[in-house]
Amino acid sequence: MDLLKHDIASEFPQLKDKIHALKTTNHHFARLFSDYDTVNHTIAKVETGGAVMTDEALENLKKQRLKLKDDIVQMLHAA
């Protein structure tokens, strides 16, 4: 699976300006964005064979990524 398919900026190019503004002015948003990026990179590393983890752990990371994405999108739409 391609990491870029889950990159927030790539998925929501129309919200690029809001993303940038929130990352620089809202610490909570910046933290969520950073956490999302970290989890997304970890998932990509496992899926490409660069790291090993149990299926259950990978599934939990994917659920965490989805929750973070939901929170990020909610904040973007509220801004």
PDB file of N, CA and C in Angstrom:
ATOM      1  N   MET A   1       0.842  -1.175   0.000  1.00  0.00           N
ATOM      2  CA  MET A   1       0.000   0.000   0.000  1.00  0.00           C
ATOM      3  C   MET A   1       0.886   1.237   0.000  1.00  0.00           C
ATOM      4  N   ASP A   2       0.511   2.208  -0.762  1.00  0.00           N
ATOM      5  CA  ASP A   2       1.288   3.424  -0.914  1.00  0.00           C
ATOM      6  C   ASP A   2       1.026   4.378   0.249  1.00  0.00           C
ATOM      7  N   LEU A   3       2.089   4.811   0.893  1.00  0.00           N
ATOM      8  CA  LEU A   3       1.991   5.737   2.020  1.00  0.00           C
ATOM      9  C   LEU A   3       1.242   6.995   1.629  1.00  0.00           C
ATOM     10  N   LEU A   4       1.469   7.502   0.430  1.00  0.00           N
ATOM     11  CA  LEU A   4       0.843   8.746   0.019  1.00  0.00           C
ATOM     12  C   LEU A   4      -0.671   8.636  -0.078  1.00  0.00           C
ATOM     13  N   LYS A   5      -1.201   7.435  -0.224  1.00  0.00           N
ATOM     14  CA  LYS A   5      -2.648   7.276  -0.297  1.00  0.00           C
ATOM     15  C   LYS A   5      -3.316   7.662   1.010  1.00  0.00           C
ATOM     16  N   HIS A   6      -2.576   7.703   2.095  1.00  0.00           N
ATOM     17  CA  HIS A   6      -3.152   8.050   3.385  1.00  0.00           C
ATOM     18  C   HIS A   6      -2.605   9.363   3.937  1.00  0.00           C
ATOM     19  N   ASP A   7      -1.817  10.065   3.168  1.00  0.00           N
ATOM     20  CA  ASP A   7      -1.275  11.346   3.585  1.00  0.00           C
ATOM     21  C   ASP A   7      -2.402  12.382   3.595  1.00  0.00           C
ATOM     22  N   ILE A   8      -2.590  13.091   4.699  1.00  0.00           N
ATOM     23  CA  ILE A   8      -3.692  14.044   4.861  1.00  0.00           C
ATOM     24  C   ILE A   8      -3.654  15.120   3.770  1.00  0.00           C
ATOM     25  N   ALA A   9      -2.506  15.699   3.537  1.00  0.00           N
ATOM     26  CA  ALA A   9      -2.399  16.769   2.544  1.00  0.00           C
ATOM     27  C   ALA A   9      -2.729  16.269   1.141  1.00  0.00           C
ATOM     28  N   SER A  10      -2.376  15.026   0.830  1.00  0.00           N
ATOM     29  CA  SER A  10      -2.688  14.462  -0.486  1.00  0.00           C
ATOM     30  C   SER A  10      -4.161  14.111  -0.622  1.00  0.00           C
ATOM     31  N   GLU A  11      -4.775  13.687   0.471  1.00  0.00           N
ATOM     32  CA  GLU A  11      -6.187  13.317   0.431  1.00  0.00           C
ATOM     33  C   GLU A  11      -7.100  14.537   0.390  1.00  0.00           C
ATOM     34  N   PHE A  12      -6.641  15.633   0.950  1.00  0.00           N
ATOM     35  CA  PHE A  12      -7.463  16.835   1.020  1.00  0.00           C
ATOM     36  C   PHE A  12      -6.712  18.053   0.485  1.00  0.00           C
ATOM     37  N   PRO A  13      -6.340  18.042  -0.786  1.00  0.00           N
ATOM     38  CA  PRO A  13      -5.568  19.171  -1.327  1.00  0.00           C
ATOM     39  C   PRO A  13      -6.334  20.490  -1.260  1.00  0.00           C
ATOM     40  N   GLN A  14      -7.655  20.426  -1.284  1.00  0.00           N
ATOM     41  CA  GLN A  14      -8.474  21.634  -1.215  1.00  0.00           C
ATOM     42  C   GLN A  14      -8.411  22.290   0.170  1.00  0.00           C
ATOM     43  N   LEU A  15      -7.923  21.571   1.157  1.00  0.00           N
ATOM     44  CA  LEU A  15      -7.818  22.099   2.518  1.00  0.00           C
ATOM     45  C   LEU A  15      -6.379  22.436   2.903  1.00  0.00           C
ATOM     46  N   LYS A  16      -5.518  22.517   1.918  1.00  0.00           N
ATOM     47  CA  LYS A  16      -4.089  22.759   2.151  1.00  0.00           C
ATOM     48  C   LYS A  16      -3.845  24.010   2.999  1.00  0.00           C
ATOM     49  N   ASP A  17      -4.538  25.088   2.695  1.00  0.00           N
ATOM     50  CA  ASP A  17      -4.336  26.330   3.448  1.00  0.00           C
ATOM     51  C   ASP A  17      -4.804  26.195   4.892  1.00  0.00           C
ATOM     52  N   LYS A  18      -5.946  25.540   5.101  1.00  0.00           N
ATOM     53  CA  LYS A  18      -6.440  25.324   6.466  1.00  0.00           C
ATOM     54  C   LYS A  18      -5.479  24.433   7.254  1.00  0.00           C
ATOM     55  N   ILE A  19      -4.970  23.399   6.597  1.00  0.00           N
ATOM     56  CA  ILE A  19      -4.021  22.494   7.257  1.00  0.00           C
ATOM     57  C   ILE A  19      -2.809  23.280   7.735  1.00  0.00           C
ATOM     58  N   HIS A  20      -2.261  24.085   6.853  1.00  0.00           N
ATOM     59  CA  HIS A  20      -1.074  24.878   7.208  1.00  0.00           C
ATOM     60  C   HIS A  20      -1.382  25.845   8.349  1.00  0.00           C
ATOM     61  N   ALA A  21      -2.510  26.530   8.255  1.00  0.00           N
ATOM     62  CA  ALA A  21      -2.880  27.500   9.284  1.00  0.00           C
ATOM     63  C   ALA A  21      -3.064  26.820  10.641  1.00  0.00           C
ATOM     64  N   LEU A  22      -3.761  25.710  10.654  1.00  0.00           N
ATOM     65  CA  LEU A  22      -3.985  25.014  11.929  1.00  0.00           C
ATOM     66  C   LEU A  22      -2.697  24.425  12.495  1.00  0.00           C
ATOM     67  N   LYS A  23      -1.835  23.921  11.623  1.00  0.00           N
ATOM     68  CA  LYS A  23      -0.569  23.369  12.111  1.00  0.00           C
ATOM     69  C   LYS A  23       0.284  24.436  12.783  1.00  0.00           C
ATOM     70  N   THR A  24       0.172  25.673  12.335  1.00  0.00           N
ATOM     71  CA  THR A  24       1.015  26.738  12.886  1.00  0.00           C
ATOM     72  C   THR A  24       0.355  27.504  14.029  1.00  0.00           C
ATOM     73  N   THR A  25      -0.962  27.385  14.189  1.00  0.00           N
ATOM     74  CA  THR A  25      -1.643  28.170  15.221  1.00  0.00           C
ATOM     75  C   THR A  25      -2.326  27.336  16.299  1.00  0.00           C
ATOM     76  N   ASN A  26      -2.529  26.057  16.065  1.00  0.00           N
ATOM     77  CA  ASN A  26      -3.277  25.221  17.007  1.00  0.00           C
ATOM     78  C   ASN A  26      -2.393  24.044  17.425  1.00  0.00           C
ATOM     79  N   HIS A  27      -1.937  24.085  18.655  1.00  0.00           N
ATOM     80  CA  HIS A  27      -1.021  23.051  19.139  1.00  0.00           C
ATOM     81  C   HIS A  27      -1.656  21.660  19.155  1.00  0.00           C
ATOM     82  N   HIS A  28      -2.935  21.607  19.496  1.00  0.00           N
ATOM     83  CA  HIS A  28      -3.626  20.311  19.520  1.00  0.00           C
ATOM     84  C   HIS A  28      -3.694  19.720  18.108  1.00  0.00           C
ATOM     85  N   PHE A  29      -4.039  20.544  17.130  1.00  0.00           N
ATOM     86  CA  PHE A  29      -4.085  20.075  15.751  1.00  0.00           C
ATOM     87  C   PHE A  29      -2.701  19.623  15.292  1.00  0.00           C
ATOM     88  N   ALA A  30      -1.689  20.408  15.600  1.00  0.00           N
ATOM     89  CA  ALA A  30      -0.321  20.065  15.196  1.00  0.00           C
ATOM     90  C   ALA A  30       0.096  18.722  15.795  1.00  0.00           C
ATOM     91  N   ARG A  31      -0.309  18.463  17.038  1.00  0.00           N
ATOM     92  CA  ARG A  31       0.023  17.191  17.692  1.00  0.00           C
ATOM     93  C   ARG A  31      -0.704  16.024  17.019  1.00  0.00           C
ATOM     94  N   LEU A  32      -2.003  16.210  16.735  1.00  0.00           N
ATOM     95  CA  LEU A  32      -2.764  15.173  16.033  1.00  0.00           C
ATOM     96  C   LEU A  32      -2.141  14.876  14.671  1.00  0.00           C
ATOM     97  N   PHE A  33      -1.775  15.923  13.962  1.00  0.00           N
ATOM     98  CA  PHE A  33      -1.186  15.781  12.633  1.00  0.00           C
ATOM     99  C   PHE A  33       0.137  15.021  12.713  1.00  0.00           C
ATOM    100  N   SER A  34       0.950  15.361  13.703  1.00  0.00           N
ATOM    101  CA  SER A  34       2.230  14.683  13.893  1.00  0.00           C
ATOM    102  C   SER A  34       2.023  13.221  14.271  1.00  0.00           C
ATOM    103  N   ASP A  35       1.087  12.963  15.182  1.00  0.00           N
ATOM    104  CA  ASP A  35       0.790  11.586  15.586  1.00  0.00           C
ATOM    105  C   ASP A  35       0.294  10.774  14.396  1.00  0.00           C
ATOM    106  N   TYR A  36      -0.571  11.379  13.583  1.00  0.00           N
ATOM    107  CA  TYR A  36      -1.092  10.699  12.394  1.00  0.00           C
ATOM    108  C   TYR A  36       0.060  10.328  11.462  1.00  0.00           C
ATOM    109  N   ASP A  37       0.948  11.272  11.228  1.00  0.00           N
ATOM    110  CA  ASP A  37       2.081  11.043  10.331  1.00  0.00           C
ATOM    111  C   ASP A  37       2.970   9.908  10.846  1.00  0.00           C
ATOM    112  N   THR A  38       3.222   9.879  12.147  1.00  0.00           N
ATOM    113  CA  THR A  38       4.043   8.840  12.749  1.00  0.00           C
ATOM    114  C   THR A  38       3.397   7.466  12.592  1.00  0.00           C
ATOM    115  N   VAL A  39       2.117   7.376  12.921  1.00  0.00           N
ATOM    116  CA  VAL A  39       1.394   6.108  12.800  1.00  0.00           C
ATOM    117  C   VAL A  39       1.342   5.664  11.338  1.00  0.00           C
ATOM    118  N   ASN A  40       1.075   6.594  10.442  1.00  0.00           N
ATOM    119  CA  ASN A  40       0.995   6.276   9.018  1.00  0.00           C
ATOM    120  C   ASN A  40       2.319   5.736   8.493  1.00  0.00           C
ATOM    121  N   HIS A  41       3.423   6.357   8.902  1.00  0.00           N
ATOM    122  CA  HIS A  41       4.734   5.879   8.465  1.00  0.00           C
ATOM    123  C   HIS A  41       5.051   4.494   9.036  1.00  0.00           C
ATOM    124  N   THR A  42       4.649   4.257  10.271  1.00  0.00           N
ATOM    125  CA  THR A  42       4.865   2.938  10.882  1.00  0.00           C
ATOM    126  C   THR A  42       4.097   1.863  10.123  1.00  0.00           C
ATOM    127  N   ILE A  43       2.843   2.154   9.798  1.00  0.00           N
ATOM    128  CA  ILE A  43       2.023   1.204   9.038  1.00  0.00           C
ATOM    129  C   ILE A  43       2.655   0.931   7.678  1.00  0.00           C
ATOM    130  N   ALA A  44       3.090   1.979   7.008  1.00  0.00           N
ATOM    131  CA  ALA A  44       3.702   1.815   5.691  1.00  0.00           C
ATOM    132  C   ALA A  44       4.971   0.971   5.779  1.00  0.00           C
ATOM    133  N   LYS A  45       5.742   1.180   6.828  1.00  0.00           N
ATOM    134  CA  LYS A  45       6.984   0.412   6.996  1.00  0.00           C
ATOM    135  C   LYS A  45       6.682  -1.073   7.170  1.00  0.00           C
ATOM    136  N   VAL A  46       5.664  -1.382   7.954  1.00  0.00           N
ATOM    137  CA  VAL A  46       5.273  -2.780   8.165  1.00  0.00           C
ATOM    138  C   VAL A  46       4.758  -3.378   6.856  1.00  0.00           C
ATOM    139  N   GLU A  47       3.918  -2.630   6.158  1.00  0.00           N
ATOM    140  CA  GLU A  47       3.307  -3.151   4.939  1.00  0.00           C
ATOM    141  C   GLU A  47       4.311  -3.346   3.803  1.00  0.00           C
ATOM    142  N   THR A  48       5.418  -2.634   3.842  1.00  0.00           N
ATOM    143  CA  THR A  48       6.439  -2.789   2.805  1.00  0.00           C
ATOM    144  C   THR A  48       7.546  -3.752   3.217  1.00  0.00           C
ATOM    145  N   GLY A  49       7.386  -4.361   4.400  1.00  0.00           N
ATOM    146  CA  GLY A  49       8.360  -5.345   4.841  1.00  0.00           C
ATOM    147  C   GLY A  49       9.547  -4.777   5.584  1.00  0.00           C
ATOM    148  N   GLY A  50       9.523  -3.486   5.888  1.00  0.00           N
ATOM    149  CA  GLY A  50      10.635  -2.860   6.591  1.00  0.00           C
ATOM    150  C   GLY A  50      10.583  -3.027   8.092  1.00  0.00           C
ATOM    151  N   ALA A  51       9.483  -3.563   8.586  1.00  0.00           N
ATOM    152  CA  ALA A  51       9.325  -3.811  10.019  1.00  0.00           C
ATOM    153  C   ALA A  51       8.365  -4.982  10.190  1.00  0.00           C
ATOM    154  N   VAL A  52       8.424  -5.591  11.354  1.00  0.00           N
ATOM    155  CA  VAL A  52       7.577  -6.747  11.634  1.00  0.00           C
ATOM    156  C   VAL A  52       6.692  -6.425  12.832  1.00  0.00           C
ATOM    157  N   MET A  53       5.437  -6.840  12.720  1.00  0.00           N
ATOM    158  CA  MET A  53       4.519  -6.681  13.835  1.00  0.00           C
ATOM    159  C   MET A  53       3.382  -7.664  13.647  1.00  0.00           C
ATOM    160  N   THR A  54       2.725  -8.013  14.729  1.00  0.00           N
ATOM    161  CA  THR A  54       1.611  -8.959  14.634  1.00  0.00           C
ATOM    162  C   THR A  54       0.454  -8.327  13.864  1.00  0.00           C
ATOM    163  N   ASP A  55      -0.387  -9.182  13.314  1.00  0.00           N
ATOM    164  CA  ASP A  55      -1.561  -8.692  12.591  1.00  0.00           C
ATOM    165  C   ASP A  55      -2.452  -7.860  13.508  1.00  0.00           C
ATOM    166  N   GLU A  56      -2.574  -8.311  14.750  1.00  0.00           N
ATOM    167  CA  GLU A  56      -3.414  -7.588  15.711  1.00  0.00           C
ATOM    168  C   GLU A  56      -2.855  -6.193  15.996  1.00  0.00           C
ATOM    169  N   ALA A  57      -1.549  -6.095  16.166  1.00  0.00           N
ATOM    170  CA  ALA A  57      -0.924  -4.797  16.419  1.00  0.00           C
ATOM    171  C   ALA A  57      -1.078  -3.879  15.217  1.00  0.00           C
ATOM    172  N   LEU A  58      -0.921  -4.428  14.023  1.00  0.00           N
ATOM    173  CA  LEU A  58      -1.087  -3.631  12.813  1.00  0.00           C
ATOM    174  C   LEU A  58      -2.525  -3.150  12.686  1.00  0.00           C
ATOM    175  N   GLU A  59      -3.470  -4.009  12.978  1.00  0.00           N
ATOM    176  CA  GLU A  59      -4.879  -3.629  12.931  1.00  0.00           C
ATOM    177  C   GLU A  59      -5.180  -2.509  13.931  1.00  0.00           C
ATOM    178  N   ASN A  60      -4.596  -2.604  15.112  1.00  0.00           N
ATOM    179  CA  ASN A  60      -4.779  -1.552  16.114  1.00  0.00           C
ATOM    180  C   ASN A  60      -4.197  -0.224  15.644  1.00  0.00           C
ATOM    181  N   LEU A  61      -3.035  -0.268  14.991  1.00  0.00           N
ATOM    182  CA  LEU A  61      -2.447   0.955  14.442  1.00  0.00           C
ATOM    183  C   LEU A  61      -3.341   1.556  13.365  1.00  0.00           C
ATOM    184  N   LYS A  62      -3.925   0.717  12.544  1.00  0.00           N
ATOM    185  CA  LYS A  62      -4.823   1.219  11.501  1.00  0.00           C
ATOM    186  C   LYS A  62      -6.062   1.868  12.108  1.00  0.00           C
ATOM    187  N   LYS A  63      -6.569   1.309  13.190  1.00  0.00           N
ATOM    188  CA  LYS A  63      -7.709   1.913  13.884  1.00  0.00           C
ATOM    189  C   LYS A  63      -7.310   3.249  14.504  1.00  0.00           C
ATOM    190  N   GLN A  64      -6.111   3.297  15.062  1.00  0.00           N
ATOM    191  CA  GLN A  64      -5.605   4.547  15.634  1.00  0.00           C
ATOM    192  C   GLN A  64      -5.467   5.611  14.544  1.00  0.00           C
ATOM    193  N   ARG A  65      -4.942   5.209  13.387  1.00  0.00           N
ATOM    194  CA  ARG A  65      -4.793   6.143  12.266  1.00  0.00           C
ATOM    195  C   ARG A  65      -6.156   6.687  11.841  1.00  0.00           C
ATOM    196  N   LEU A  66      -7.148   5.831  11.776  1.00  0.00           N
ATOM    197  CA  LEU A  66      -8.484   6.248  11.377  1.00  0.00           C
ATOM    198  C   LEU A  66      -9.081   7.233  12.379  1.00  0.00           C
ATOM    199  N   LYS A  67      -8.891   6.970  13.677  1.00  0.00           N
ATOM    200  CA  LYS A  67      -9.395   7.877  14.711  1.00  0.00           C
ATOM    201  C   LYS A  67      -8.708   9.233  14.611  1.00  0.00           C
ATOM    202  N   LEU A  68      -7.400   9.223  14.432  1.00  0.00           N
ATOM    203  CA  LEU A  68      -6.671  10.483  14.284  1.00  0.00           C
ATOM    204  C   LEU A  68      -7.155  11.254  13.066  1.00  0.00           C
ATOM    205  N   LYS A  69      -7.358  10.537  11.973  1.00  0.00           N
ATOM    206  CA  LYS A  69      -7.827  11.183  10.745  1.00  0.00           C
ATOM    207  C   LYS A  69      -9.210  11.791  10.959  1.00  0.00           C
ATOM    208  N   ASP A  70     -10.093  11.077  11.624  1.00  0.00           N
ATOM    209  CA  ASP A  70     -11.426  11.605  11.915  1.00  0.00           C
ATOM    210  C   ASP A  70     -11.328  12.891  12.731  1.00  0.00           C
ATOM    211  N   ASP A  71     -10.483  12.899  13.744  1.00  0.00           N
ATOM    212  CA  ASP A  71     -10.313  14.086  14.583  1.00  0.00           C
ATOM    213  C   ASP A  71      -9.749  15.254  13.773  1.00  0.00           C
ATOM    214  N   ILE A  72      -8.779  14.972  12.923  1.00  0.00           N
ATOM    215  CA  ILE A  72      -8.169  16.005  12.082  1.00  0.00           C
ATOM    216  C   ILE A  72      -9.200  16.597  11.126  1.00  0.00           C
ATOM    217  N   VAL A  73      -9.963  15.747  10.479  1.00  0.00           N
ATOM    218  CA  VAL A  73     -10.967  16.211   9.515  1.00  0.00           C
ATOM    219  C   VAL A  73     -12.043  17.037  10.218  1.00  0.00           C
ATOM    220  N   GLN A  74     -12.452  16.616  11.397  1.00  0.00           N
ATOM    221  CA  GLN A  74     -13.433  17.394  12.153  1.00  0.00           C
ATOM    222  C   GLN A  74     -12.905  18.792  12.449  1.00  0.00           C
ATOM    223  N   MET A  75     -11.657  18.878  12.858  1.00  0.00           N
ATOM    224  CA  MET A  75     -11.068  20.184  13.154  1.00  0.00           C
ATOM    225  C   MET A  75     -10.946  21.026  11.892  1.00  0.00           C
ATOM    226  N   LEU A  76     -10.624  20.398  10.775  1.00  0.00           N
ATOM    227  CA  LEU A  76     -10.497  21.144   9.521  1.00  0.00           C
ATOM    228  C   LEU A  76     -11.845  21.721   9.090  1.00  0.00           C
ATOM    229  N   HIS A  77     -12.886  20.938   9.236  1.00  0.00           N
ATOM    230  CA  HIS A  77     -14.214  21.401   8.821  1.00  0.00           C
ATOM    231  C   HIS A  77     -14.773  22.455   9.785  1.00  0.00           C
ATOM    232  N   ALA A  78     -14.344  22.401  11.036  1.00  0.00           N
ATOM    233  CA  ALA A  78     -14.810  23.384  12.029  1.00  0.00           C
ATOM    234  C   ALA A  78     -14.077  24.720  11.898  1.00  0.00           C
ATOM    235  N   ALA A  79     -12.920  24.693  11.269  1.00  0.00           N
ATOM    236  CA  ALA A  79     -12.102  25.924  11.154  1.00  0.00           C
ATOM    237  C   ALA A  79     -12.648  26.854  10.092  1.00  0.00           C
TER     238      ALA A  79
END
